[in-house]
Amino acid sequence: METITAEPYFELMYLPFEEGAPLPRFRDSVGRQEDMPEGFVLYYTNQCPFTAKYVPILEEMAKARNAVFQSVHIQTREDAQNAPSPYTTFSLFYDGQLVTHEILSEKKFDKILADKGV
């Protein structure tokens, strides 16, 4: 078995079924940070029903604390394939760096806001 990695901790494990088979890979967009806006950027899909509940709550919390926050609702296969994280259900970035792909409750997001000085 072979492993391909992408920052910060994603792994893609594969076992080729035939010699010379093309290697799987992460898309070039994974980890792309140079064109991401400053502040919080949340990429999410409707794959998990909790995103519908928590995304608006997080948006309101950020707004109440004057934090720069942008949510990007991934709705197409192409959007998901070109996302900056291979985990598209929920990926929160801050200043271009992945913070978490865990769906956040208010308490957890409040801690992240405090840790970032917001």
N, C-alpha and C. Protein backbone atom coordinates (compact mmCIF):
# COMPACT_ATOMS: atom_id res chain seq x y z
N MET A 1 0.85 -1.17 0.00
CA MET A 1 0.00 0.00 0.00
C MET A 1 0.89 1.24 0.00
N GLU A 2 0.49 2.23 -0.74
CA GLU A 2 1.23 3.48 -0.87
C GLU A 2 0.38 4.62 -0.29
N THR A 3 1.05 5.71 0.07
CA THR A 3 0.36 6.86 0.64
C THR A 3 0.83 8.14 -0.04
N ILE A 4 -0.12 8.99 -0.35
CA ILE A 4 0.15 10.33 -0.87
C ILE A 4 -0.40 11.30 0.17
N THR A 5 0.33 12.37 0.44
CA THR A 5 -0.10 13.30 1.48
C THR A 5 -0.35 14.70 0.92
N ALA A 6 -1.14 15.46 1.66
CA ALA A 6 -1.38 16.88 1.37
C ALA A 6 -1.43 17.60 2.70
N GLU A 7 -0.88 18.79 2.76
CA GLU A 7 -0.86 19.57 3.99
C GLU A 7 -2.26 19.90 4.44
N PRO A 8 -2.54 19.96 5.72
CA PRO A 8 -1.60 19.76 6.79
C PRO A 8 -1.48 18.31 7.25
N TYR A 9 -2.52 17.48 7.01
CA TYR A 9 -2.47 16.12 7.55
C TYR A 9 -3.30 15.11 6.75
N PHE A 10 -3.64 15.43 5.54
CA PHE A 10 -4.48 14.54 4.75
C PHE A 10 -3.63 13.45 4.11
N GLU A 11 -4.17 12.25 4.07
CA GLU A 11 -3.49 11.12 3.46
C GLU A 11 -4.43 10.41 2.48
N LEU A 12 -3.88 10.02 1.37
CA LEU A 12 -4.61 9.25 0.37
C LEU A 12 -3.86 7.94 0.22
N MET A 13 -4.47 6.85 0.66
CA MET A 13 -3.82 5.54 0.59
C MET A 13 -4.38 4.79 -0.61
N TYR A 14 -3.52 4.09 -1.30
CA TYR A 14 -3.96 3.36 -2.47
C TYR A 14 -3.16 2.07 -2.62
N LEU A 15 -3.79 1.12 -3.29
CA LEU A 15 -3.17 -0.15 -3.61
C LEU A 15 -3.43 -0.39 -5.08
N PRO A 16 -2.40 -0.24 -5.92
CA PRO A 16 -2.64 -0.41 -7.35
C PRO A 16 -3.00 -1.86 -7.68
N PHE A 17 -3.96 -2.04 -8.56
CA PHE A 17 -4.38 -3.37 -8.97
C PHE A 17 -3.56 -3.91 -10.13
N GLU A 18 -2.91 -3.01 -10.83
CA GLU A 18 -2.06 -3.45 -11.94
C GLU A 18 -0.84 -2.56 -12.03
N GLU A 19 0.23 -3.14 -12.51
CA GLU A 19 1.47 -2.38 -12.65
C GLU A 19 1.31 -1.31 -13.71
N GLY A 20 1.84 -0.13 -13.43
CA GLY A 20 1.77 0.97 -14.38
C GLY A 20 0.46 1.75 -14.32
N ALA A 21 -0.41 1.40 -13.38
CA ALA A 21 -1.67 2.14 -13.24
C ALA A 21 -1.35 3.58 -12.84
N PRO A 22 -2.13 4.55 -13.33
CA PRO A 22 -1.86 5.94 -12.94
C PRO A 22 -2.03 6.12 -11.44
N LEU A 23 -1.17 6.93 -10.87
CA LEU A 23 -1.22 7.19 -9.44
C LEU A 23 -2.37 8.14 -9.11
N PRO A 24 -3.11 7.85 -8.04
CA PRO A 24 -4.10 8.84 -7.60
C PRO A 24 -3.37 10.05 -7.03
N ARG A 25 -4.06 11.16 -6.97
CA ARG A 25 -3.40 12.37 -6.46
C ARG A 25 -4.46 13.32 -5.93
N PHE A 26 -3.99 14.21 -5.08
CA PHE A 26 -4.84 15.31 -4.66
C PHE A 26 -4.84 16.34 -5.78
N ARG A 27 -5.94 17.04 -5.93
CA ARG A 27 -6.01 18.10 -6.93
C ARG A 27 -5.04 19.22 -6.57
N ASP A 28 -4.60 19.96 -7.56
CA ASP A 28 -3.68 21.08 -7.33
C ASP A 28 -4.29 22.14 -6.43
N SER A 29 -5.61 22.21 -6.37
CA SER A 29 -6.27 23.21 -5.54
C SER A 29 -6.15 22.93 -4.05
N VAL A 30 -5.86 21.69 -3.66
CA VAL A 30 -5.75 21.34 -2.24
C VAL A 30 -4.54 22.05 -1.65
N GLY A 31 -4.79 22.77 -0.58
CA GLY A 31 -3.71 23.51 0.07
C GLY A 31 -3.44 24.86 -0.55
N ARG A 32 -4.14 25.17 -1.64
CA ARG A 32 -3.93 26.47 -2.29
C ARG A 32 -4.32 27.57 -1.32
N GLN A 33 -3.42 28.52 -1.09
CA GLN A 33 -3.69 29.55 -0.10
C GLN A 33 -3.47 30.96 -0.64
N GLU A 34 -2.72 31.09 -1.70
CA GLU A 34 -2.31 32.43 -2.14
C GLU A 34 -3.47 33.32 -2.57
N ASP A 35 -4.57 32.75 -3.02
CA ASP A 35 -5.67 33.61 -3.47
C ASP A 35 -6.87 33.57 -2.52
N MET A 36 -6.68 33.01 -1.33
CA MET A 36 -7.77 32.96 -0.36
C MET A 36 -7.83 34.30 0.38
N PRO A 37 -9.04 34.83 0.58
CA PRO A 37 -9.15 36.10 1.29
C PRO A 37 -8.70 35.97 2.75
N GLU A 38 -8.38 37.11 3.35
CA GLU A 38 -8.00 37.13 4.77
C GLU A 38 -9.23 36.89 5.63
N GLY A 39 -8.98 36.53 6.87
CA GLY A 39 -10.06 36.25 7.80
C GLY A 39 -10.51 34.80 7.68
N PHE A 40 -11.72 34.56 8.14
CA PHE A 40 -12.27 33.21 8.12
C PHE A 40 -12.96 32.94 6.79
N VAL A 41 -12.69 31.78 6.24
CA VAL A 41 -13.40 31.31 5.04
C VAL A 41 -13.83 29.88 5.34
N LEU A 42 -15.11 29.65 5.22
CA LEU A 42 -15.68 28.34 5.50
C LEU A 42 -16.21 27.73 4.20
N TYR A 43 -15.68 26.58 3.84
CA TYR A 43 -16.16 25.81 2.70
C TYR A 43 -17.02 24.68 3.26
N TYR A 44 -18.23 24.51 2.72
CA TYR A 44 -19.11 23.47 3.25
C TYR A 44 -20.07 22.97 2.18
N THR A 45 -20.62 21.78 2.43
CA THR A 45 -21.64 21.19 1.57
C THR A 45 -22.85 20.84 2.44
N ASN A 46 -23.89 20.34 1.81
CA ASN A 46 -25.05 19.85 2.55
C ASN A 46 -24.95 18.36 2.84
N GLN A 47 -23.76 17.80 2.68
CA GLN A 47 -23.57 16.37 2.91
C GLN A 47 -23.99 15.99 4.33
N CYS A 48 -23.71 16.85 5.29
CA CYS A 48 -24.10 16.61 6.67
C CYS A 48 -25.22 17.59 7.02
N PRO A 49 -26.31 17.12 7.60
CA PRO A 49 -27.42 18.04 7.91
C PRO A 49 -27.08 19.09 8.96
N PHE A 50 -26.02 18.88 9.73
CA PHE A 50 -25.66 19.86 10.76
C PHE A 50 -25.09 21.14 10.17
N THR A 51 -24.56 21.09 8.95
CA THR A 51 -24.03 22.33 8.36
C THR A 51 -25.15 23.35 8.16
N ALA A 52 -26.34 22.89 7.79
CA ALA A 52 -27.46 23.81 7.59
C ALA A 52 -27.80 24.54 8.89
N LYS A 53 -27.59 23.88 10.01
CA LYS A 53 -27.87 24.50 11.30
C LYS A 53 -26.74 25.44 11.72
N TYR A 54 -25.50 24.98 11.62
CA TYR A 54 -24.39 25.70 12.23
C TYR A 54 -23.78 26.80 11.38
N VAL A 55 -23.82 26.71 10.08
CA VAL A 55 -23.20 27.76 9.25
C VAL A 55 -23.82 29.12 9.53
N PRO A 56 -25.14 29.27 9.54
CA PRO A 56 -25.71 30.60 9.86
C PRO A 56 -25.37 31.07 11.27
N ILE A 57 -25.29 30.15 12.22
CA ILE A 57 -24.93 30.52 13.59
C ILE A 57 -23.51 31.06 13.63
N LEU A 58 -22.59 30.38 12.96
CA LEU A 58 -21.19 30.84 12.93
C LEU A 58 -21.07 32.18 12.23
N GLU A 59 -21.83 32.36 11.15
CA GLU A 59 -21.82 33.66 10.45
C GLU A 59 -22.26 34.78 11.39
N GLU A 60 -23.31 34.56 12.16
CA GLU A 60 -23.80 35.57 13.10
C GLU A 60 -22.80 35.82 14.22
N MET A 61 -22.17 34.77 14.72
CA MET A 61 -21.17 34.95 15.77
C MET A 61 -19.99 35.79 15.27
N ALA A 62 -19.54 35.50 14.06
CA ALA A 62 -18.43 36.27 13.50
C ALA A 62 -18.83 37.72 13.29
N LYS A 63 -20.02 37.93 12.77
CA LYS A 63 -20.51 39.29 12.54
C LYS A 63 -20.59 40.07 13.85
N ALA A 64 -21.08 39.43 14.91
CA ALA A 64 -21.22 40.09 16.22
C ALA A 64 -19.86 40.51 16.78
N ARG A 65 -18.81 39.82 16.37
CA ARG A 65 -17.47 40.14 16.87
C ARG A 65 -16.62 40.86 15.83
N ASN A 66 -17.27 41.34 14.77
CA ASN A 66 -16.59 42.08 13.70
C ASN A 66 -15.45 41.28 13.08
N ALA A 67 -15.61 39.98 13.02
CA ALA A 67 -14.60 39.13 12.38
C ALA A 67 -14.93 39.00 10.89
N VAL A 68 -13.90 39.05 10.07
CA VAL A 68 -14.09 38.84 8.64
C VAL A 68 -14.43 37.37 8.45
N PHE A 69 -15.59 37.10 7.83
CA PHE A 69 -16.07 35.73 7.68
C PHE A 69 -16.79 35.61 6.35
N GLN A 70 -16.41 34.61 5.61
CA GLN A 70 -17.05 34.33 4.32
C GLN A 70 -17.36 32.85 4.26
N SER A 71 -18.58 32.50 3.89
CA SER A 71 -18.92 31.09 3.72
C SER A 71 -19.08 30.80 2.23
N VAL A 72 -18.57 29.64 1.84
CA VAL A 72 -18.63 29.20 0.45
C VAL A 72 -19.39 27.88 0.43
N HIS A 73 -20.59 27.91 -0.10
CA HIS A 73 -21.43 26.73 -0.18
C HIS A 73 -21.08 25.95 -1.44
N ILE A 74 -20.48 24.81 -1.26
CA ILE A 74 -20.09 23.96 -2.39
C ILE A 74 -21.32 23.19 -2.83
N GLN A 75 -21.71 23.40 -4.09
CA GLN A 75 -22.95 22.79 -4.58
C GLN A 75 -22.76 21.89 -5.79
N THR A 76 -21.60 21.96 -6.42
CA THR A 76 -21.40 21.14 -7.61
C THR A 76 -20.16 20.26 -7.46
N ARG A 77 -20.10 19.24 -8.27
CA ARG A 77 -18.93 18.36 -8.27
C ARG A 77 -17.67 19.15 -8.59
N GLU A 78 -17.78 20.07 -9.52
CA GLU A 78 -16.62 20.87 -9.92
C GLU A 78 -16.14 21.75 -8.77
N ASP A 79 -17.08 22.35 -8.05
CA ASP A 79 -16.70 23.16 -6.88
C ASP A 79 -15.97 22.31 -5.85
N ALA A 80 -16.49 21.11 -5.59
CA ALA A 80 -15.86 20.22 -4.61
C ALA A 80 -14.48 19.79 -5.07
N GLN A 81 -14.33 19.48 -6.34
CA GLN A 81 -13.04 19.03 -6.86
C GLN A 81 -12.00 20.14 -6.84
N ASN A 82 -12.43 21.39 -6.85
CA ASN A 82 -11.50 22.52 -6.87
C ASN A 82 -11.39 23.22 -5.53
N ALA A 83 -11.94 22.63 -4.50
CA ALA A 83 -11.88 23.23 -3.16
C ALA A 83 -10.46 23.13 -2.60
N PRO A 84 -10.09 24.01 -1.69
CA PRO A 84 -8.74 23.99 -1.13
C PRO A 84 -8.52 22.92 -0.06
N SER A 85 -9.54 22.11 0.20
CA SER A 85 -9.43 21.01 1.16
C SER A 85 -10.06 19.77 0.55
N PRO A 86 -9.46 18.61 0.75
CA PRO A 86 -10.09 17.39 0.23
C PRO A 86 -11.33 16.99 1.03
N TYR A 87 -11.50 17.57 2.20
CA TYR A 87 -12.65 17.30 3.03
C TYR A 87 -13.62 18.46 2.87
N THR A 88 -14.60 18.29 1.99
CA THR A 88 -15.44 19.42 1.61
C THR A 88 -16.73 19.54 2.41
N THR A 89 -17.02 18.60 3.29
CA THR A 89 -18.24 18.71 4.09
C THR A 89 -18.20 19.97 4.94
N PHE A 90 -17.02 20.27 5.50
CA PHE A 90 -16.86 21.44 6.35
C PHE A 90 -15.37 21.67 6.53
N SER A 91 -14.85 22.76 6.01
CA SER A 91 -13.44 23.10 6.19
C SER A 91 -13.33 24.59 6.46
N LEU A 92 -12.82 24.93 7.65
CA LEU A 92 -12.69 26.33 8.06
C LEU A 92 -11.23 26.75 7.96
N PHE A 93 -11.00 27.84 7.26
CA PHE A 93 -9.66 28.42 7.10
C PHE A 93 -9.62 29.77 7.79
N TYR A 94 -8.44 30.14 8.25
CA TYR A 94 -8.21 31.49 8.78
C TYR A 94 -6.92 32.01 8.16
N ASP A 95 -7.02 33.13 7.48
CA ASP A 95 -5.87 33.72 6.77
C ASP A 95 -5.16 32.69 5.91
N GLY A 96 -5.95 31.85 5.22
CA GLY A 96 -5.39 30.89 4.27
C GLY A 96 -4.90 29.59 4.87
N GLN A 97 -4.99 29.43 6.17
CA GLN A 97 -4.53 28.21 6.82
C GLN A 97 -5.74 27.41 7.33
N LEU A 98 -5.71 26.10 7.10
CA LEU A 98 -6.79 25.26 7.58
C LEU A 98 -6.80 25.26 9.11
N VAL A 99 -7.96 25.57 9.68
CA VAL A 99 -8.13 25.56 11.13
C VAL A 99 -8.70 24.22 11.56
N THR A 100 -9.77 23.80 10.89
CA THR A 100 -10.41 22.53 11.24
C THR A 100 -11.34 22.08 10.13
N HIS A 101 -11.60 20.79 10.10
CA HIS A 101 -12.66 20.28 9.24
C HIS A 101 -13.77 19.66 10.09
N GLU A 102 -13.73 19.94 11.39
CA GLU A 102 -14.76 19.49 12.32
C GLU A 102 -15.91 20.50 12.30
N ILE A 103 -17.13 20.02 12.18
CA ILE A 103 -18.28 20.92 12.23
C ILE A 103 -18.35 21.50 13.64
N LEU A 104 -18.36 22.83 13.69
CA LEU A 104 -18.22 23.53 14.97
C LEU A 104 -19.54 23.87 15.62
N SER A 105 -19.58 23.69 16.92
CA SER A 105 -20.68 24.21 17.74
C SER A 105 -20.34 25.66 18.08
N GLU A 106 -21.27 26.35 18.70
CA GLU A 106 -21.01 27.72 19.10
C GLU A 106 -19.83 27.80 20.07
N LYS A 107 -19.79 26.90 21.01
CA LYS A 107 -18.72 26.91 22.02
C LYS A 107 -17.35 26.71 21.37
N LYS A 108 -17.25 25.78 20.44
CA LYS A 108 -15.96 25.52 19.79
C LYS A 108 -15.54 26.70 18.91
N PHE A 109 -16.51 27.31 18.21
CA PHE A 109 -16.15 28.45 17.37
C PHE A 109 -15.78 29.65 18.23
N ASP A 110 -16.45 29.81 19.35
CA ASP A 110 -16.10 30.90 20.27
C ASP A 110 -14.65 30.77 20.73
N LYS A 111 -14.21 29.56 21.01
CA LYS A 111 -12.83 29.33 21.41
C LYS A 111 -11.86 29.67 20.28
N ILE A 112 -12.20 29.30 19.05
CA ILE A 112 -11.35 29.64 17.90
C ILE A 112 -11.27 31.14 17.72
N LEU A 113 -12.40 31.83 17.82
CA LEU A 113 -12.41 33.28 17.71
C LEU A 113 -11.50 33.91 18.77
N ALA A 114 -11.60 33.42 19.99
CA ALA A 114 -10.77 33.94 21.08
C ALA A 114 -9.29 33.65 20.82
N ASP A 115 -9.00 32.45 20.35
CA ASP A 115 -7.60 32.08 20.06
C ASP A 115 -7.00 32.96 18.96
N LYS A 116 -7.85 33.44 18.05
CA LYS A 116 -7.38 34.30 16.95
C LYS A 116 -7.43 35.77 17.34
N GLY A 117 -7.82 36.06 18.56
CA GLY A 117 -7.85 37.44 19.04
C GLY A 117 -9.02 38.24 18.53
N VAL A 118 -10.10 37.57 18.19
CA VAL A 118 -11.27 38.26 17.67
C VAL A 118 -12.36 38.26 18.71
